[in-house]
Amino acid sequence: MIKDKIQKQILICLKRDDKTELKVLRYILSEIKYEEIKRQRDLTDDEVIALLQKEVKKREEAIILFKKSGRDELVKDEEKQIDVIKNYLPKYLSEEEISRIVDEVILNLPEVNNTGKIIGLVMMKVKGRADGSLVSRIVREKLTVKTEKL
């Protein structure tokens, strides 16, 4: 489980005296525990992945704001935190791999015009290994090309 990996890595960071990684991992672990208390059960790996992706997205938004205000030291800190969190996320699929999955879903669906349904099915297949906005863009491009051919 991802949670177990994080707990083991916290011990390693304590021994190495790696304060930055330790701070991020402790925060992530506290977020996981908070969600577990809220839901009154242990989180699945998929739920932990969703939580980690949410944390990455928060930090990416913070980076944009810090860049606008010229806070370069905070930008670097947020980027380091993102790098730590991404170590526990599955590798993202490439655009080509996502494109193949989209093609496969479109071939198996008789209703070609239902963009939302196609995006939902693709997101179920990729399970956290692709950004939703990228999937959405690829689906829309494929459907535009397909409807132009008709």
Protein backbone atom coordinates (compact mmCIF):
# COMPACT_ATOMS: atom_id res chain seq x y z
CA MET A 1 0.00 0.00 0.00
CA ILE A 2 1.07 3.55 -0.70
CA LYS A 3 0.37 4.58 2.88
CA ASP A 4 2.81 1.93 4.14
CA LYS A 5 5.49 3.15 1.71
CA ILE A 6 5.05 6.70 3.00
CA GLN A 7 5.35 5.56 6.62
CA LYS A 8 8.56 3.63 5.85
CA GLN A 9 9.99 6.59 3.96
CA ILE A 10 9.28 8.87 6.94
CA LEU A 11 11.55 6.68 9.07
CA ILE A 12 14.26 6.81 6.40
CA CYS A 13 13.97 10.61 6.21
CA LEU A 14 14.30 10.85 9.99
CA LYS A 15 17.55 8.87 9.84
CA ARG A 16 18.86 10.93 6.88
CA ASP A 17 17.71 14.21 8.47
CA ASP A 18 15.93 15.17 5.23
CA LYS A 19 13.67 17.91 6.57
CA THR A 20 11.96 18.89 3.30
CA GLU A 21 10.85 15.40 2.33
CA LEU A 22 9.96 14.61 5.94
CA LYS A 23 7.71 17.69 6.18
CA VAL A 24 5.86 16.79 2.97
CA LEU A 25 5.44 13.11 3.87
CA ARG A 26 4.16 13.91 7.35
CA TYR A 27 1.64 16.33 5.87
CA ILE A 28 0.49 13.75 3.29
CA LEU A 29 0.20 11.06 5.96
CA SER A 30 -1.89 13.40 8.13
CA GLU A 31 -4.18 14.09 5.14
CA ILE A 32 -4.57 10.34 4.57
CA LYS A 33 -5.38 9.76 8.24
CA TYR A 34 -7.85 12.67 8.23
CA GLU A 35 -9.69 11.13 5.25
CA GLU A 36 -9.69 7.72 6.94
CA ILE A 37 -11.24 9.20 10.08
CA LYS A 38 -13.77 11.12 7.99
CA ARG A 39 -14.76 8.00 6.03
CA GLN A 40 -14.41 5.68 9.06
CA ARG A 41 -12.34 3.15 7.10
CA ASP A 42 -8.90 2.71 5.55
CA LEU A 43 -8.40 4.34 2.17
CA THR A 44 -7.78 2.19 -0.88
CA ASP A 45 -4.70 2.84 -3.00
CA ASP A 46 -6.92 4.46 -5.65
CA GLU A 47 -8.29 6.87 -3.04
CA VAL A 48 -4.77 7.66 -1.80
CA ILE A 49 -3.69 8.31 -5.39
CA ALA A 50 -6.64 10.69 -5.86
CA LEU A 51 -5.64 12.49 -2.65
CA LEU A 52 -2.02 12.77 -3.82
CA GLN A 53 -3.13 14.13 -7.19
CA LYS A 54 -5.24 16.72 -5.39
CA GLU A 55 -2.20 17.76 -3.35
CA VAL A 56 -0.07 18.09 -6.49
CA LYS A 57 -2.77 20.22 -8.11
CA LYS A 58 -2.90 22.51 -5.02
CA ARG A 59 0.85 23.02 -5.23
CA GLU A 60 0.75 23.68 -8.98
CA GLU A 61 -1.87 26.38 -8.38
CA ALA A 62 0.30 27.85 -5.61
CA ILE A 63 3.29 27.93 -7.99
CA ILE A 64 1.28 30.00 -10.48
CA LEU A 65 0.37 32.50 -7.75
CA PHE A 66 3.93 32.66 -6.39
CA LYS A 67 5.34 33.26 -9.88
CA LYS A 68 2.90 36.13 -10.41
CA SER A 69 4.03 37.74 -7.17
CA GLY A 70 7.75 37.11 -7.83
CA ARG A 71 8.28 34.71 -4.91
CA ASP A 72 10.89 32.46 -6.54
CA GLU A 73 12.02 30.84 -3.27
CA LEU A 74 8.47 29.67 -2.60
CA VAL A 75 8.16 28.40 -6.19
CA LYS A 76 11.24 26.22 -5.68
CA ASP A 77 9.87 24.93 -2.37
CA GLU A 78 6.53 23.98 -3.96
CA GLU A 79 8.33 22.27 -6.86
CA LYS A 80 10.36 20.18 -4.40
CA GLN A 81 7.15 19.19 -2.63
CA ILE A 82 5.58 18.16 -5.95
CA ASP A 83 8.63 16.01 -6.73
CA VAL A 84 8.30 14.24 -3.36
CA ILE A 85 4.58 13.57 -3.86
CA LYS A 86 5.03 12.35 -7.45
CA ASN A 87 7.30 9.58 -6.16
CA TYR A 88 4.15 7.92 -4.79
CA LEU A 89 1.96 8.40 -7.85
CA PRO A 90 1.81 5.92 -10.72
CA LYS A 91 3.59 7.04 -13.87
CA TYR A 92 1.34 9.05 -16.15
CA LEU A 93 0.50 7.63 -19.56
CA SER A 94 1.88 9.35 -22.64
CA GLU A 95 -0.42 11.18 -25.07
CA GLU A 96 -0.02 8.32 -27.55
CA GLU A 97 -1.10 5.73 -24.97
CA ILE A 98 -4.10 7.83 -23.98
CA SER A 99 -4.95 8.31 -27.65
CA ARG A 100 -4.95 4.54 -28.20
CA ILE A 101 -7.26 4.02 -25.22
CA VAL A 102 -9.61 6.74 -26.52
CA ASP A 103 -9.68 5.07 -29.96
CA GLU A 104 -10.49 1.74 -28.33
CA VAL A 105 -13.36 3.23 -26.29
CA ILE A 106 -14.79 5.07 -29.32
CA LEU A 107 -14.72 1.87 -31.40
CA ASN A 108 -16.67 0.00 -28.72
CA LEU A 109 -19.32 2.71 -28.32
CA PRO A 110 -22.18 3.03 -30.80
CA GLU A 111 -22.97 6.60 -29.63
CA VAL A 112 -20.03 8.59 -30.93
CA ASN A 113 -21.38 12.02 -29.95
CA ASN A 114 -21.59 11.46 -26.19
CA THR A 115 -18.35 13.18 -25.15
CA GLY A 116 -19.01 12.95 -21.40
CA LYS A 117 -19.64 9.22 -21.53
CA ILE A 118 -16.47 8.60 -23.55
CA ILE A 119 -14.36 10.70 -21.16
CA GLY A 120 -15.84 8.83 -18.19
CA LEU A 121 -15.05 5.43 -19.71
CA VAL A 122 -11.50 6.48 -20.60
CA MET A 123 -10.92 7.85 -17.08
CA MET A 124 -12.12 4.52 -15.63
CA LYS A 125 -9.60 2.68 -17.82
CA VAL A 126 -6.64 4.93 -16.99
CA LYS A 127 -7.42 5.04 -13.22
CA GLY A 128 -5.39 8.05 -12.14
CA ARG A 129 -2.62 7.59 -14.67
CA ALA A 130 -3.74 10.51 -16.84
CA ASP A 131 -4.77 14.11 -16.32
CA GLY A 132 -8.49 14.64 -16.89
CA SER A 133 -7.98 17.79 -18.96
CA LEU A 134 -5.61 15.95 -21.31
CA VAL A 135 -8.08 13.08 -21.72
CA SER A 136 -10.86 15.58 -22.39
CA ARG A 137 -8.80 17.40 -25.03
CA ILE A 138 -7.86 14.16 -26.82
CA VAL A 139 -11.47 12.89 -26.80
CA ARG A 140 -12.75 16.20 -28.20
CA GLU A 141 -10.09 16.20 -30.93
CA LYS A 142 -10.92 12.61 -31.91
CA LEU A 143 -14.66 13.29 -31.97
CA THR A 144 -14.17 16.45 -34.04
CA VAL A 145 -12.14 14.51 -36.61
CA LYS A 146 -14.66 11.67 -36.60
CA THR A 147 -17.70 13.95 -37.10
CA GLU A 148 -15.90 15.83 -39.89
CA LYS A 149 -15.43 12.52 -41.72
CA LEU A 150 -19.17 11.78 -41.50
